[in-house]
PDB file of N, CA and C in Angstrom:
ATOM      1  N   MET A   1      -9.688  31.816 -27.085  1.00  0.00           N
ATOM      2  CA  MET A   1      -9.733  30.497 -27.516  1.00  0.00           C
ATOM      3  C   MET A   1      -9.135  30.257 -29.084  1.00  0.00           C
ATOM      4  N   THR A   2      -8.202  28.941 -29.219  1.00  0.00           N
ATOM      5  CA  THR A   2      -7.723  28.855 -30.294  1.00  0.00           C
ATOM      6  C   THR A   2      -8.808  28.186 -31.057  1.00  0.00           C
ATOM      7  N   THR A   3      -8.562  28.227 -32.596  1.00  0.00           N
ATOM      8  CA  THR A   3      -8.924  27.656 -33.307  1.00  0.00           C
ATOM      9  C   THR A   3      -8.388  26.215 -33.586  1.00  0.00           C
ATOM     10  N   THR A   4      -9.631  25.319 -33.719  1.00  0.00           N
ATOM     11  CA  THR A   4      -9.010  23.687 -34.113  1.00  0.00           C
ATOM     12  C   THR A   4      -9.026  23.612 -35.406  1.00  0.00           C
ATOM     13  N   ARG A   5      -7.976  23.024 -36.131  1.00  0.00           N
ATOM     14  CA  ARG A   5      -7.491  22.435 -37.125  1.00  0.00           C
ATOM     15  C   ARG A   5      -8.831  21.485 -37.800  1.00  0.00           C
ATOM     16  N   LEU A   6      -8.692  21.739 -39.251  1.00  0.00           N
ATOM     17  CA  LEU A   6      -9.874  21.397 -40.396  1.00  0.00           C
ATOM     18  C   LEU A   6      -9.223  20.820 -41.251  1.00  0.00           C
ATOM     19  N   SER A   7      -9.315  19.470 -41.569  1.00  0.00           N
ATOM     20  CA  SER A   7      -9.143  18.661 -42.621  1.00  0.00           C
ATOM     21  C   SER A   7      -9.369  19.258 -43.858  1.00  0.00           C
ATOM     22  N   ARG A   8      -9.002  19.132 -44.899  1.00  0.00           N
ATOM     23  CA  ARG A   8      -9.251  19.440 -46.344  1.00  0.00           C
ATOM     24  C   ARG A   8     -10.703  19.093 -46.419  1.00  0.00           C
ATOM     25  N   LEU A   9     -11.102  17.969 -46.485  1.00  0.00           N
ATOM     26  CA  LEU A   9     -12.608  18.022 -46.935  1.00  0.00           C
ATOM     27  C   LEU A   9     -13.499  18.714 -45.533  1.00  0.00           C
ATOM     28  N   GLN A  10     -13.335  18.518 -44.571  1.00  0.00           N
ATOM     29  CA  GLN A  10     -13.974  19.452 -43.632  1.00  0.00           C
ATOM     30  C   GLN A  10     -14.129  20.869 -44.197  1.00  0.00           C
ATOM     31  N   ARG A  11     -13.293  21.412 -44.401  1.00  0.00           N
ATOM     32  CA  ARG A  11     -13.010  22.939 -45.075  1.00  0.00           C
ATOM     33  C   ARG A  11     -14.014  22.823 -46.545  1.00  0.00           C
ATOM     34  N   ARG A  12     -14.028  22.011 -47.204  1.00  0.00           N
ATOM     35  CA  ARG A  12     -14.753  21.767 -48.430  1.00  0.00           C
ATOM     36  C   ARG A  12     -16.460  21.562 -47.889  1.00  0.00           C
ATOM     37  N   MET A  13     -16.729  21.040 -47.250  1.00  0.00           N
ATOM     38  CA  MET A  13     -17.600  20.776 -46.715  1.00  0.00           C
ATOM     39  C   MET A  13     -18.104  21.830 -46.214  1.00  0.00           C
ATOM     40  N   LEU A  14     -17.446  22.675 -45.108  1.00  0.00           N
ATOM     41  CA  LEU A  14     -17.698  24.203 -44.388  1.00  0.00           C
ATOM     42  C   LEU A  14     -18.514  24.815 -46.006  1.00  0.00           C
ATOM     43  N   ARG A  15     -17.620  24.995 -47.143  1.00  0.00           N
ATOM     44  CA  ARG A  15     -17.370  25.686 -48.219  1.00  0.00           C
ATOM     45  C   ARG A  15     -19.161  25.486 -48.829  1.00  0.00           C
ATOM     46  N   TYR A  16     -19.483  24.182 -49.107  1.00  0.00           N
ATOM     47  CA  TYR A  16     -20.195  23.929 -49.653  1.00  0.00           C
ATOM     48  C   TYR A  16     -21.576  23.628 -49.164  1.00  0.00           C
ATOM     49  N   VAL A  17     -21.619  23.543 -47.849  1.00  0.00           N
ATOM     50  CA  VAL A  17     -22.975  23.923 -47.195  1.00  0.00           C
ATOM     51  C   VAL A  17     -23.452  25.802 -47.049  1.00  0.00           C
ATOM     52  N   TYR A  18     -22.076  26.223 -46.951  1.00  0.00           N
ATOM     53  CA  TYR A  18     -21.887  27.873 -46.824  1.00  0.00           C
ATOM     54  C   TYR A  18     -22.859  28.387 -48.299  1.00  0.00           C
ATOM     55  N   GLU A  19     -22.200  28.175 -49.162  1.00  0.00           N
ATOM     56  CA  GLU A  19     -22.484  28.242 -50.493  1.00  0.00           C
ATOM     57  C   GLU A  19     -24.165  27.791 -50.828  1.00  0.00           C
ATOM     58  N   ALA A  20     -24.477  26.771 -50.356  1.00  0.00           N
ATOM     59  CA  ALA A  20     -25.684  25.953 -50.409  1.00  0.00           C
ATOM     60  C   ALA A  20     -26.801  26.874 -49.803  1.00  0.00           C
ATOM     61  N   GLU A  21     -26.780  27.605 -48.347  1.00  0.00           N
ATOM     62  CA  GLU A  21     -27.594  28.103 -47.447  1.00  0.00           C
ATOM     63  C   GLU A  21     -27.282  29.832 -48.013  1.00  0.00           C
ATOM     64  N   ALA A  22     -26.464  29.869 -47.809  1.00  0.00           N
ATOM     65  CA  ALA A  22     -26.223  31.723 -48.366  1.00  0.00           C
ATOM     66  C   ALA A  22     -27.189  32.394 -49.016  1.00  0.00           C
ATOM     67  N   PRO A  23     -27.238  31.761 -50.471  1.00  0.00           N
ATOM     68  CA  PRO A  23     -28.252  32.621 -51.475  1.00  0.00           C
ATOM     69  C   PRO A  23     -29.443  32.388 -51.403  1.00  0.00           C
ATOM     70  N   SER A  24     -29.888  31.594 -49.977  1.00  0.00           N
ATOM     71  CA  SER A  24     -31.779  31.146 -49.979  1.00  0.00           C
ATOM     72  C   SER A  24     -32.056  32.029 -48.912  1.00  0.00           C
ATOM     73  N   GLY A  25     -30.768  32.693 -48.310  1.00  0.00           N
ATOM     74  CA  GLY A  25     -31.001  33.702 -47.121  1.00  0.00           C
ATOM     75  C   GLY A  25     -31.102  32.842 -45.725  1.00  0.00           C
ATOM     76  N   TRP A  26     -30.588  31.881 -45.784  1.00  0.00           N
ATOM     77  CA  TRP A  26     -30.203  30.666 -44.827  1.00  0.00           C
ATOM     78  C   TRP A  26     -31.424  29.928 -44.177  1.00  0.00           C
ATOM     79  N   ARG A  27     -32.279  29.565 -45.527  1.00  0.00           N
ATOM     80  CA  ARG A  27     -33.567  28.789 -45.156  1.00  0.00           C
ATOM     81  C   ARG A  27     -33.279  27.625 -46.004  1.00  0.00           C
ATOM     82  N   VAL A  28     -32.379  27.303 -46.208  1.00  0.00           N
ATOM     83  CA  VAL A  28     -32.352  26.052 -46.889  1.00  0.00           C
ATOM     84  C   VAL A  28     -30.763  25.171 -46.690  1.00  0.00           C
ATOM     85  N   SER A  29     -30.811  24.426 -46.492  1.00  0.00           N
ATOM     86  CA  SER A  29     -30.042  23.442 -46.393  1.00  0.00           C
ATOM     87  C   SER A  29     -29.533  22.416 -47.110  1.00  0.00           C
ATOM     88  N   PRO A  30     -28.450  22.195 -47.428  1.00  0.00           N
ATOM     89  CA  PRO A  30     -27.981  20.505 -48.473  1.00  0.00           C
ATOM     90  C   PRO A  30     -28.679  19.331 -47.438  1.00  0.00           C
ATOM     91  N   SER A  31     -28.907  18.383 -48.651  1.00  0.00           N
ATOM     92  CA  SER A  31     -29.025  17.093 -47.640  1.00  0.00           C
ATOM     93  C   SER A  31     -27.693  16.151 -47.817  1.00  0.00           C
ATOM     94  N   HIS A  32     -27.769  15.399 -46.878  1.00  0.00           N
ATOM     95  CA  HIS A  32     -26.517  14.706 -46.870  1.00  0.00           C
ATOM     96  C   HIS A  32     -25.850  13.983 -48.131  1.00  0.00           C
ATOM     97  N   TYR A  33     -27.474  13.676 -48.646  1.00  0.00           N
ATOM     98  CA  TYR A  33     -27.232  12.828 -50.010  1.00  0.00           C
ATOM     99  C   TYR A  33     -26.163  13.789 -50.919  1.00  0.00           C
ATOM    100  N   ALA A  34     -26.964  14.987 -51.193  1.00  0.00           N
ATOM    101  CA  ALA A  34     -26.287  16.410 -51.982  1.00  0.00           C
ATOM    102  C   ALA A  34     -24.758  16.421 -51.359  1.00  0.00           C
ATOM    103  N   LEU A  35     -24.450  16.379 -50.340  1.00  0.00           N
ATOM    104  CA  LEU A  35     -23.033  16.784 -50.115  1.00  0.00           C
ATOM    105  C   LEU A  35     -21.917  15.373 -50.522  1.00  0.00           C
ATOM    106  N   VAL A  36     -22.624  14.318 -50.277  1.00  0.00           N
ATOM    107  CA  VAL A  36     -22.277  13.182 -50.683  1.00  0.00           C
ATOM    108  C   VAL A  36     -21.619  13.282 -52.256  1.00  0.00           C
ATOM    109  N   ARG A  37     -22.727  13.678 -52.800  1.00  0.00           N
ATOM    110  CA  ARG A  37     -22.751  13.882 -54.528  1.00  0.00           C
ATOM    111  C   ARG A  37     -21.614  15.114 -54.658  1.00  0.00           C
ATOM    112  N   ALA A  38     -21.856  16.104 -54.185  1.00  0.00           N
ATOM    113  CA  ALA A  38     -21.376  17.122 -54.590  1.00  0.00           C
ATOM    114  C   ALA A  38     -19.431  16.829 -54.219  1.00  0.00           C
ATOM    115  N   LEU A  39     -19.216  16.175 -53.117  1.00  0.00           N
ATOM    116  CA  LEU A  39     -17.898  16.418 -52.477  1.00  0.00           C
ATOM    117  C   LEU A  39     -17.105  14.845 -52.703  1.00  0.00           C
ATOM    118  N   GLY A  40     -18.053  13.801 -53.419  1.00  0.00           N
ATOM    119  CA  GLY A  40     -17.352  12.778 -54.174  1.00  0.00           C
ATOM    120  C   GLY A  40     -16.657  11.711 -52.987  1.00  0.00           C
ATOM    121  N   GLY A  41     -16.362  11.177 -52.986  1.00  0.00           N
ATOM    122  CA  GLY A  41     -15.220  10.397 -51.773  1.00  0.00           C
ATOM    123  C   GLY A  41     -16.348   9.052 -51.386  1.00  0.00           C
ATOM    124  N   HIS A  42     -16.097   8.906 -50.544  1.00  0.00           N
ATOM    125  CA  HIS A  42     -17.131   7.452 -49.908  1.00  0.00           C
ATOM    126  C   HIS A  42     -18.077   8.332 -48.749  1.00  0.00           C
ATOM    127  N   LYS A  43     -18.943   7.909 -48.906  1.00  0.00           N
ATOM    128  CA  LYS A  43     -20.343   8.302 -47.711  1.00  0.00           C
ATOM    129  C   LYS A  43     -19.644   7.696 -46.003  1.00  0.00           C
ATOM    130  N   GLY A  44     -18.971   7.027 -45.910  1.00  0.00           N
ATOM    131  CA  GLY A  44     -18.423   6.967 -44.553  1.00  0.00           C
ATOM    132  C   GLY A  44     -17.860   7.894 -44.119  1.00  0.00           C
ATOM    133  N   ASN A  45     -16.824   8.416 -44.936  1.00  0.00           N
ATOM    134  CA  ASN A  45     -15.540   9.491 -44.491  1.00  0.00           C
ATOM    135  C   ASN A  45     -16.243  10.614 -44.053  1.00  0.00           C
ATOM    136  N   ILE A  46     -16.916  11.160 -45.404  1.00  0.00           N
ATOM    137  CA  ILE A  46     -18.060  12.252 -44.980  1.00  0.00           C
ATOM    138  C   ILE A  46     -18.968  12.298 -43.876  1.00  0.00           C
ATOM    139  N   SER A  47     -19.448  11.047 -43.762  1.00  0.00           N
ATOM    140  CA  SER A  47     -20.186  10.889 -42.162  1.00  0.00           C
ATOM    141  C   SER A  47     -19.735  11.242 -40.849  1.00  0.00           C
ATOM    142  N   ILE A  48     -18.242  10.549 -41.116  1.00  0.00           N
ATOM    143  CA  ILE A  48     -17.491  10.626 -40.041  1.00  0.00           C
ATOM    144  C   ILE A  48     -16.728  12.528 -40.173  1.00  0.00           C
ATOM    145  N   SER A  49     -16.518  13.025 -40.840  1.00  0.00           N
ATOM    146  CA  SER A  49     -16.248  14.271 -40.843  1.00  0.00           C
ATOM    147  C   SER A  49     -17.523  15.276 -40.638  1.00  0.00           C
ATOM    148  N   LEU A  50     -18.445  14.952 -40.742  1.00  0.00           N
ATOM    149  CA  LEU A  50     -19.766  15.358 -40.048  1.00  0.00           C
ATOM    150  C   LEU A  50     -19.976  15.694 -39.093  1.00  0.00           C
ATOM    151  N   ARG A  51     -19.685  14.168 -38.189  1.00  0.00           N
ATOM    152  CA  ARG A  51     -19.688  14.085 -36.735  1.00  0.00           C
ATOM    153  C   ARG A  51     -18.394  14.954 -36.261  1.00  0.00           C
ATOM    154  N   ASN A  52     -17.256  15.132 -36.606  1.00  0.00           N
ATOM    155  CA  ASN A  52     -16.436  15.856 -35.847  1.00  0.00           C
ATOM    156  C   ASN A  52     -16.564  17.605 -36.225  1.00  0.00           C
ATOM    157  N   LEU A  53     -17.407  18.041 -37.298  1.00  0.00           N
ATOM    158  CA  LEU A  53     -17.754  19.618 -37.237  1.00  0.00           C
ATOM    159  C   LEU A  53     -18.752  19.520 -36.614  1.00  0.00           C
ATOM    160  N   GLU A  54     -19.649  18.583 -36.245  1.00  0.00           N
ATOM    161  CA  GLU A  54     -20.880  18.624 -35.270  1.00  0.00           C
ATOM    162  C   GLU A  54     -20.120  18.754 -33.700  1.00  0.00           C
ATOM    163  N   SER A  55     -19.172  17.883 -33.662  1.00  0.00           N
ATOM    164  CA  SER A  55     -18.566  17.897 -32.193  1.00  0.00           C
ATOM    165  C   SER A  55     -17.758  19.482 -31.982  1.00  0.00           C
ATOM    166  N   LYS A  56     -17.510  19.990 -32.987  1.00  0.00           N
ATOM    167  CA  LYS A  56     -16.807  21.221 -32.687  1.00  0.00           C
ATOM    168  C   LYS A  56     -17.781  22.176 -32.828  1.00  0.00           C
ATOM    169  N   GLY A  57     -18.816  21.932 -33.023  1.00  0.00           N
ATOM    170  CA  GLY A  57     -19.982  22.951 -33.029  1.00  0.00           C
ATOM    171  C   GLY A  57     -20.194  24.071 -34.253  1.00  0.00           C
ATOM    172  N   LEU A  58     -19.792  23.506 -35.207  1.00  0.00           N
ATOM    173  CA  LEU A  58     -19.529  24.331 -36.593  1.00  0.00           C
ATOM    174  C   LEU A  58     -20.820  23.950 -37.623  1.00  0.00           C
ATOM    175  N   VAL A  59     -21.491  22.544 -37.187  1.00  0.00           N
ATOM    176  CA  VAL A  59     -22.639  22.544 -38.200  1.00  0.00           C
ATOM    177  C   VAL A  59     -23.892  21.728 -37.078  1.00  0.00           C
ATOM    178  N   HIS A  60     -24.847  21.439 -37.659  1.00  0.00           N
ATOM    179  CA  HIS A  60     -25.701  20.749 -36.770  1.00  0.00           C
ATOM    180  C   HIS A  60     -26.233  19.914 -37.935  1.00  0.00           C
ATOM    181  N   VAL A  61     -26.184  18.675 -37.636  1.00  0.00           N
ATOM    182  CA  VAL A  61     -26.976  17.880 -38.580  1.00  0.00           C
ATOM    183  C   VAL A  61     -28.555  17.029 -37.659  1.00  0.00           C
ATOM    184  N   TYR A  62     -29.380  17.018 -38.540  1.00  0.00           N
ATOM    185  CA  TYR A  62     -30.885  16.629 -38.180  1.00  0.00           C
ATOM    186  C   TYR A  62     -30.683  15.267 -39.226  1.00  0.00           C
ATOM    187  N   ARG A  63     -31.361  14.476 -37.930  1.00  0.00           N
ATOM    188  CA  ARG A  63     -31.130  12.963 -38.629  1.00  0.00           C
ATOM    189  C   ARG A  63     -32.765  12.367 -38.376  1.00  0.00           C
ATOM    190  N   THR A  64     -32.829  11.441 -39.367  1.00  0.00           N
ATOM    191  CA  THR A  64     -34.316  11.158 -39.081  1.00  0.00           C
ATOM    192  C   THR A  64     -34.279   9.997 -38.129  1.00  0.00           C
ATOM    193  N   ARG A  65     -35.549   9.489 -37.466  1.00  0.00           N
ATOM    194  CA  ARG A  65     -35.859   8.690 -36.735  1.00  0.00           C
ATOM    195  C   ARG A  65     -34.912   7.474 -36.609  1.00  0.00           C
ATOM    196  N   GLY A  66     -34.460   7.153 -37.778  1.00  0.00           N
ATOM    197  CA  GLY A  66     -33.558   5.650 -37.746  1.00  0.00           C
ATOM    198  C   GLY A  66     -31.991   6.389 -37.445  1.00  0.00           C
ATOM    199  N   GLY A  67     -31.583   7.421 -37.234  1.00  0.00           N
ATOM    200  CA  GLY A  67     -30.467   7.957 -36.805  1.00  0.00           C
ATOM    201  C   GLY A  67     -29.376   8.369 -38.311  1.00  0.00           C
ATOM    202  N   LYS A  68     -30.149   8.094 -39.384  1.00  0.00           N
ATOM    203  CA  LYS A  68     -29.327   8.647 -40.489  1.00  0.00           C
ATOM    204  C   LYS A  68     -29.290  10.507 -40.994  1.00  0.00           C
ATOM    205  N   ALA A  69     -28.535  10.703 -41.587  1.00  0.00           N
ATOM    206  CA  ALA A  69     -28.483  12.092 -41.249  1.00  0.00           C
ATOM    207  C   ALA A  69     -29.392  12.468 -42.747  1.00  0.00           C
ATOM    208  N   GLU A  70     -29.898  13.527 -42.169  1.00  0.00           N
ATOM    209  CA  GLU A  70     -31.046  14.515 -43.465  1.00  0.00           C
ATOM    210  C   GLU A  70     -30.373  15.693 -44.074  1.00  0.00           C
ATOM    211  N   SER A  71     -30.165  16.293 -43.312  1.00  0.00           N
ATOM    212  CA  SER A  71     -29.733  17.887 -43.899  1.00  0.00           C
ATOM    213  C   SER A  71     -28.897  18.352 -42.695  1.00  0.00           C
ATOM    214  N   VAL A  72     -28.000  19.264 -43.190  1.00  0.00           N
ATOM    215  CA  VAL A  72     -26.835  19.834 -42.594  1.00  0.00           C
ATOM    216  C   VAL A  72     -26.957  21.588 -42.626  1.00  0.00           C
ATOM    217  N   TRP A  73     -26.858  21.456 -41.491  1.00  0.00           N
ATOM    218  CA  TRP A  73     -27.233  23.309 -41.169  1.00  0.00           C
ATOM    219  C   TRP A  73     -25.763  23.599 -40.299  1.00  0.00           C
ATOM    220  N   LEU A  74     -25.427  25.204 -41.043  1.00  0.00           N
ATOM    221  CA  LEU A  74     -23.951  25.685 -40.110  1.00  0.00           C
ATOM    222  C   LEU A  74     -24.681  26.581 -39.032  1.00  0.00           C
ATOM    223  N   THR A  75     -23.899  26.428 -38.249  1.00  0.00           N
ATOM    224  CA  THR A  75     -24.305  26.973 -36.898  1.00  0.00           C
ATOM    225  C   THR A  75     -23.547  28.372 -36.944  1.00  0.00           C
ATOM    226  N   ALA A  76     -23.914  29.480 -36.000  1.00  0.00           N
ATOM    227  CA  ALA A  76     -23.570  30.831 -36.140  1.00  0.00           C
ATOM    228  C   ALA A  76     -22.031  30.616 -36.348  1.00  0.00           C
ATOM    229  N   GLU A  77     -20.859  29.920 -35.209  1.00  0.00           N
ATOM    230  CA  GLU A  77     -20.066  29.935 -34.926  1.00  0.00           C
ATOM    231  C   GLU A  77     -19.497  29.038 -36.886  1.00  0.00           C
ATOM    232  N   GLY A  78     -20.117  28.201 -37.054  1.00  0.00           N
ATOM    233  CA  GLY A  78     -19.872  27.883 -38.885  1.00  0.00           C
ATOM    234  C   GLY A  78     -19.547  28.578 -39.645  1.00  0.00           C
ATOM    235  N   LYS A  79     -20.717  29.576 -39.698  1.00  0.00           N
ATOM    236  CA  LYS A  79     -20.291  30.540 -40.759  1.00  0.00           C
ATOM    237  C   LYS A  79     -19.217  31.183 -40.660  1.00  0.00           C
ATOM    238  N   LYS A  80     -19.069  31.962 -39.325  1.00  0.00           N
ATOM    239  CA  LYS A  80     -17.590  32.613 -39.138  1.00  0.00           C
ATOM    240  C   LYS A  80     -16.191  31.971 -39.529  1.00  0.00           C
ATOM    241  N   ARG A  81     -16.681  30.370 -39.156  1.00  0.00           N
ATOM    242  CA  ARG A  81     -15.329  29.764 -39.687  1.00  0.00           C
ATOM    243  C   ARG A  81     -15.333  29.667 -41.043  1.00  0.00           C
ATOM    244  N   ALA A  82     -16.527  29.119 -41.657  1.00  0.00           N
ATOM    245  CA  ALA A  82     -16.465  29.131 -43.217  1.00  0.00           C
ATOM    246  C   ALA A  82     -15.671  30.215 -43.834  1.00  0.00           C
ATOM    247  N   VAL A  83     -16.314  31.374 -43.418  1.00  0.00           N
ATOM    248  CA  VAL A  83     -15.579  32.743 -43.823  1.00  0.00           C
ATOM    249  C   VAL A  83     -14.325  32.880 -44.048  1.00  0.00           C
ATOM    250  N   GLN A  84     -13.299  32.432 -42.556  1.00  0.00           N
ATOM    251  CA  GLN A  84     -12.357  32.704 -42.286  1.00  0.00           C
ATOM    252  C   GLN A  84     -11.495  31.679 -43.192  1.00  0.00           C
ATOM    253  N   VAL A  85     -11.740  30.458 -43.056  1.00  0.00           N
ATOM    254  CA  VAL A  85     -11.141  29.729 -44.266  1.00  0.00           C
ATOM    255  C   VAL A  85     -11.244  29.499 -45.828  1.00  0.00           C
ATOM    256  N   SER A  86     -12.018  30.572 -46.106  1.00  0.00           N
ATOM    257  CA  SER A  86     -12.412  30.692 -47.656  1.00  0.00           C
ATOM    258  C   SER A  86     -11.020  30.540 -48.525  1.00  0.00           C
ATOM    259  N   GLY A  87     -10.061  31.365 -47.942  1.00  0.00           N
ATOM    260  CA  GLY A  87      -8.769  31.394 -48.376  1.00  0.00           C
ATOM    261  C   GLY A  87      -7.985  30.377 -48.312  1.00  0.00           C
ATOM    262  N   SER A  88      -8.326  28.968 -47.904  1.00  0.00           N
ATOM    263  CA  SER A  88      -7.572  28.389 -47.710  1.00  0.00           C
ATOM    264  C   SER A  88      -8.077  27.101 -48.713  1.00  0.00           C
ATOM    265  N   PHE A  89      -9.168  27.489 -49.525  1.00  0.00           N
ATOM    266  CA  PHE A  89      -9.516  26.593 -50.193  1.00  0.00           C
ATOM    267  C   PHE A  89      -8.815  26.090 -51.573  1.00  0.00           C
ATOM    268  N   GLU A  90      -9.127  25.097 -51.979  1.00  0.00           N
ATOM    269  CA  GLU A  90      -8.590  24.705 -53.123  1.00  0.00           C
ATOM    270  C   GLU A  90      -8.758  25.408 -54.406  1.00  0.00           C
TER     271      GLU A  90
END
């Protein structure tokens, strides 16, 4: 299976979520708001990148009843990918 390319923002998102979940034993995930604050940039760009990561099967985004992203969790494949791309972070 070929690996799909990830943008710099998507790699940073994977790293942030991985670093937020790992110390807690994979029991705590960052909120969408925390992700936007930590990475800077525009909320819309981050939301689009989250949807792309979700479609690639790397994260699962839990949403409120209104459809807003509430929290972000790495999938098993996302955890593997976060470790693989850790050398390519800025």
